[in-house]
Amino acid sequence: MLSQKELDFIEYWKKVRLEYSTISSKMLRGLPMALLFTCPILVSMALVYFLSPEWYTKISQTAGSSFSAILFALLGIVLFFSFMRMHFKWEMNEQAYQELLQKQHNQNSKP
């Protein structure tokens, strides 16, 4: 027999599964965590650039051009991470949903 928590999950996922399956929904819902993932990189770059500018220019002779490449790379990381994280979560919920439906069907078909 299914627990109340499992029945609640079935009802919840039945309502939101199609809405959460879109690419735009996955990107928007995963964006906050992806930004938190890349924030330490931006903060460390800013700290090195502003707190020790002579070290930064001594080490990196192409400071201006590399900064834009780093920002484009971080944008790519944000987009990839936000989509893949939420797609993984959606797949895990979908698998649990299908398993619970199968379990419910098997229980209902027993004599």
C-alpha atoms as a PDB file:
ATOM      1  CA  MET A   1       0.000   0.000   0.000  1.00  0.00           C
ATOM      2  CA  LEU A   2       1.226   3.480  -0.837  1.00  0.00           C
ATOM      3  CA  SER A   3       1.849   5.928   1.983  1.00  0.00           C
ATOM      4  CA  GLN A   4       0.181   9.319   2.126  1.00  0.00           C
ATOM      5  CA  LYS A   5       3.477  10.969   1.209  1.00  0.00           C
ATOM      6  CA  GLU A   6       3.724   8.855  -1.948  1.00  0.00           C
ATOM      7  CA  LEU A   7       0.131   9.602  -2.908  1.00  0.00           C
ATOM      8  CA  ASP A   8       0.746  13.318  -2.369  1.00  0.00           C
ATOM      9  CA  PHE A   9       3.833  13.139  -4.595  1.00  0.00           C
ATOM     10  CA  ILE A  10       1.837  11.413  -7.348  1.00  0.00           C
ATOM     11  CA  GLU A  11      -0.790  14.171  -7.272  1.00  0.00           C
ATOM     12  CA  TYR A  12       1.812  16.930  -7.139  1.00  0.00           C
ATOM     13  CA  TRP A  13       3.902  15.538  -9.990  1.00  0.00           C
ATOM     14  CA  LYS A  14       0.807  14.880 -12.108  1.00  0.00           C
ATOM     15  CA  LYS A  15       0.031  18.621 -11.904  1.00  0.00           C
ATOM     16  CA  VAL A  16       3.510  20.077 -12.526  1.00  0.00           C
ATOM     17  CA  ARG A  17       5.389  17.516 -14.626  1.00  0.00           C
ATOM     18  CA  LEU A  18       4.552  19.023 -18.015  1.00  0.00           C
ATOM     19  CA  GLU A  19       5.210  22.567 -16.826  1.00  0.00           C
ATOM     20  CA  TYR A  20       8.601  21.594 -15.383  1.00  0.00           C
ATOM     21  CA  SER A  21       9.627  19.643 -18.489  1.00  0.00           C
ATOM     22  CA  THR A  22      10.169  22.715 -20.672  1.00  0.00           C
ATOM     23  CA  ILE A  23      13.648  24.036 -21.332  1.00  0.00           C
ATOM     24  CA  SER A  24      12.767  27.554 -20.212  1.00  0.00           C
ATOM     25  CA  SER A  25      11.361  26.293 -16.914  1.00  0.00           C
ATOM     26  CA  LYS A  26      14.478  24.229 -16.255  1.00  0.00           C
ATOM     27  CA  MET A  27      16.736  27.183 -17.039  1.00  0.00           C
ATOM     28  CA  LEU A  28      14.818  29.645 -14.856  1.00  0.00           C
ATOM     29  CA  ARG A  29      14.425  27.274 -11.913  1.00  0.00           C
ATOM     30  CA  GLY A  30      18.111  26.283 -12.030  1.00  0.00           C
ATOM     31  CA  LEU A  31      19.487  29.790 -12.464  1.00  0.00           C
ATOM     32  CA  PRO A  32      19.847  30.739  -8.760  1.00  0.00           C
ATOM     33  CA  MET A  33      21.966  27.696  -7.931  1.00  0.00           C
ATOM     34  CA  ALA A  34      24.056  28.144 -11.079  1.00  0.00           C
ATOM     35  CA  LEU A  35      24.763  31.752 -10.158  1.00  0.00           C
ATOM     36  CA  LEU A  36      25.771  30.674  -6.653  1.00  0.00           C
ATOM     37  CA  PHE A  37      28.066  28.131  -8.286  1.00  0.00           C
ATOM     38  CA  THR A  38      29.900  30.786 -10.329  1.00  0.00           C
ATOM     39  CA  CYS A  39      29.884  33.640  -7.799  1.00  0.00           C
ATOM     40  CA  PRO A  40      33.080  32.507  -6.020  1.00  0.00           C
ATOM     41  CA  ILE A  41      34.967  32.660  -9.317  1.00  0.00           C
ATOM     42  CA  LEU A  42      33.849  36.239  -9.974  1.00  0.00           C
ATOM     43  CA  VAL A  43      34.531  37.290  -6.391  1.00  0.00           C
ATOM     44  CA  SER A  44      38.038  35.824  -6.422  1.00  0.00           C
ATOM     45  CA  MET A  45      38.811  37.536  -9.751  1.00  0.00           C
ATOM     46  CA  ALA A  46      37.563  40.863  -8.411  1.00  0.00           C
ATOM     47  CA  LEU A  47      39.520  40.518  -5.167  1.00  0.00           C
ATOM     48  CA  VAL A  48      42.761  39.744  -6.978  1.00  0.00           C
ATOM     49  CA  TYR A  49      42.215  42.519  -9.507  1.00  0.00           C
ATOM     50  CA  PHE A  50      41.347  45.228  -6.965  1.00  0.00           C
ATOM     51  CA  LEU A  51      43.427  44.212  -3.938  1.00  0.00           C
ATOM     52  CA  SER A  52      46.617  43.325  -5.771  1.00  0.00           C
ATOM     53  CA  PRO A  53      46.622  45.024  -9.188  1.00  0.00           C
ATOM     54  CA  GLU A  54      50.416  44.935  -9.612  1.00  0.00           C
ATOM     55  CA  TRP A  55      50.470  41.161  -9.123  1.00  0.00           C
ATOM     56  CA  TYR A  56      47.578  40.719 -11.549  1.00  0.00           C
ATOM     57  CA  THR A  57      49.214  42.731 -14.325  1.00  0.00           C
ATOM     58  CA  LYS A  58      52.589  41.085 -13.750  1.00  0.00           C
ATOM     59  CA  ILE A  59      51.119  37.588 -14.067  1.00  0.00           C
ATOM     60  CA  SER A  60      48.612  38.285 -16.834  1.00  0.00           C
ATOM     61  CA  GLN A  61      49.901  40.380 -19.735  1.00  0.00           C
ATOM     62  CA  THR A  62      46.519  40.169 -21.546  1.00  0.00           C
ATOM     63  CA  ALA A  63      44.240  41.252 -18.718  1.00  0.00           C
ATOM     64  CA  GLY A  64      41.698  43.124 -20.836  1.00  0.00           C
ATOM     65  CA  SER A  65      41.073  40.484 -23.471  1.00  0.00           C
ATOM     66  CA  SER A  66      41.084  37.506 -21.134  1.00  0.00           C
ATOM     67  CA  PHE A  67      38.433  39.051 -18.880  1.00  0.00           C
ATOM     68  CA  SER A  68      35.785  38.951 -21.600  1.00  0.00           C
ATOM     69  CA  ALA A  69      36.665  35.348 -22.428  1.00  0.00           C
ATOM     70  CA  ILE A  70      36.319  34.426 -18.771  1.00  0.00           C
ATOM     71  CA  LEU A  71      32.908  36.114 -18.605  1.00  0.00           C
ATOM     72  CA  PHE A  72      31.705  34.227 -21.697  1.00  0.00           C
ATOM     73  CA  ALA A  73      32.979  30.975 -20.185  1.00  0.00           C
ATOM     74  CA  LEU A  74      31.168  31.717 -16.927  1.00  0.00           C
ATOM     75  CA  LEU A  75      27.975  32.493 -18.836  1.00  0.00           C
ATOM     76  CA  GLY A  76      28.278  29.126 -20.571  1.00  0.00           C
ATOM     77  CA  ILE A  77      28.840  27.414 -17.229  1.00  0.00           C
ATOM     78  CA  VAL A  78      25.776  29.131 -15.732  1.00  0.00           C
ATOM     79  CA  LEU A  79      23.537  28.097 -18.624  1.00  0.00           C
ATOM     80  CA  PHE A  80      24.833  24.524 -18.715  1.00  0.00           C
ATOM     81  CA  PHE A  81      24.708  24.036 -14.945  1.00  0.00           C
ATOM     82  CA  SER A  82      21.224  25.509 -14.563  1.00  0.00           C
ATOM     83  CA  PHE A  83      19.747  23.329 -17.308  1.00  0.00           C
ATOM     84  CA  MET A  84      21.524  20.082 -16.412  1.00  0.00           C
ATOM     85  CA  ARG A  85      20.830  20.347 -12.687  1.00  0.00           C
ATOM     86  CA  MET A  86      17.112  20.853 -13.175  1.00  0.00           C
ATOM     87  CA  HIS A  87      16.929  18.275 -15.959  1.00  0.00           C
ATOM     88  CA  PHE A  88      18.523  15.727 -13.606  1.00  0.00           C
ATOM     89  CA  LYS A  89      16.032  16.609 -10.855  1.00  0.00           C
ATOM     90  CA  TRP A  90      13.148  16.341 -13.334  1.00  0.00           C
ATOM     91  CA  GLU A  91      14.354  12.904 -14.488  1.00  0.00           C
ATOM     92  CA  MET A  92      14.650  11.678 -10.897  1.00  0.00           C
ATOM     93  CA  ASN A  93      11.124  12.885 -10.060  1.00  0.00           C
ATOM     94  CA  GLU A  94       9.758  11.394 -13.280  1.00  0.00           C
ATOM     95  CA  GLN A  95      11.357   8.032 -12.490  1.00  0.00           C
ATOM     96  CA  ALA A  96       9.929   8.057  -8.965  1.00  0.00           C
ATOM     97  CA  TYR A  97       6.525   9.012 -10.386  1.00  0.00           C
ATOM     98  CA  GLN A  98       6.559   6.155 -12.898  1.00  0.00           C
ATOM     99  CA  GLU A  99       7.660   3.664 -10.231  1.00  0.00           C
ATOM    100  CA  LEU A 100       4.905   4.778  -7.860  1.00  0.00           C
ATOM    101  CA  LEU A 101       2.302   4.572 -10.613  1.00  0.00           C
ATOM    102  CA  GLN A 102       3.459   1.045 -11.410  1.00  0.00           C
ATOM    103  CA  LYS A 103       3.339   0.125  -7.729  1.00  0.00           C
ATOM    104  CA  GLN A 104      -0.157   1.596  -7.443  1.00  0.00           C
ATOM    105  CA  HIS A 105      -1.287  -0.265 -10.566  1.00  0.00           C
ATOM    106  CA  ASN A 106       0.108  -3.563  -9.225  1.00  0.00           C
ATOM    107  CA  GLN A 107      -1.690  -3.080  -5.904  1.00  0.00           C
ATOM    108  CA  ASN A 108      -4.977  -2.287  -7.587  1.00  0.00           C
ATOM    109  CA  SER A 109      -4.802  -5.280  -9.934  1.00  0.00           C
ATOM    110  CA  LYS A 110      -4.224  -7.844  -7.137  1.00  0.00           C
ATOM    111  CA  PRO A 111      -7.336  -9.877  -6.299  1.00  0.00           C
END
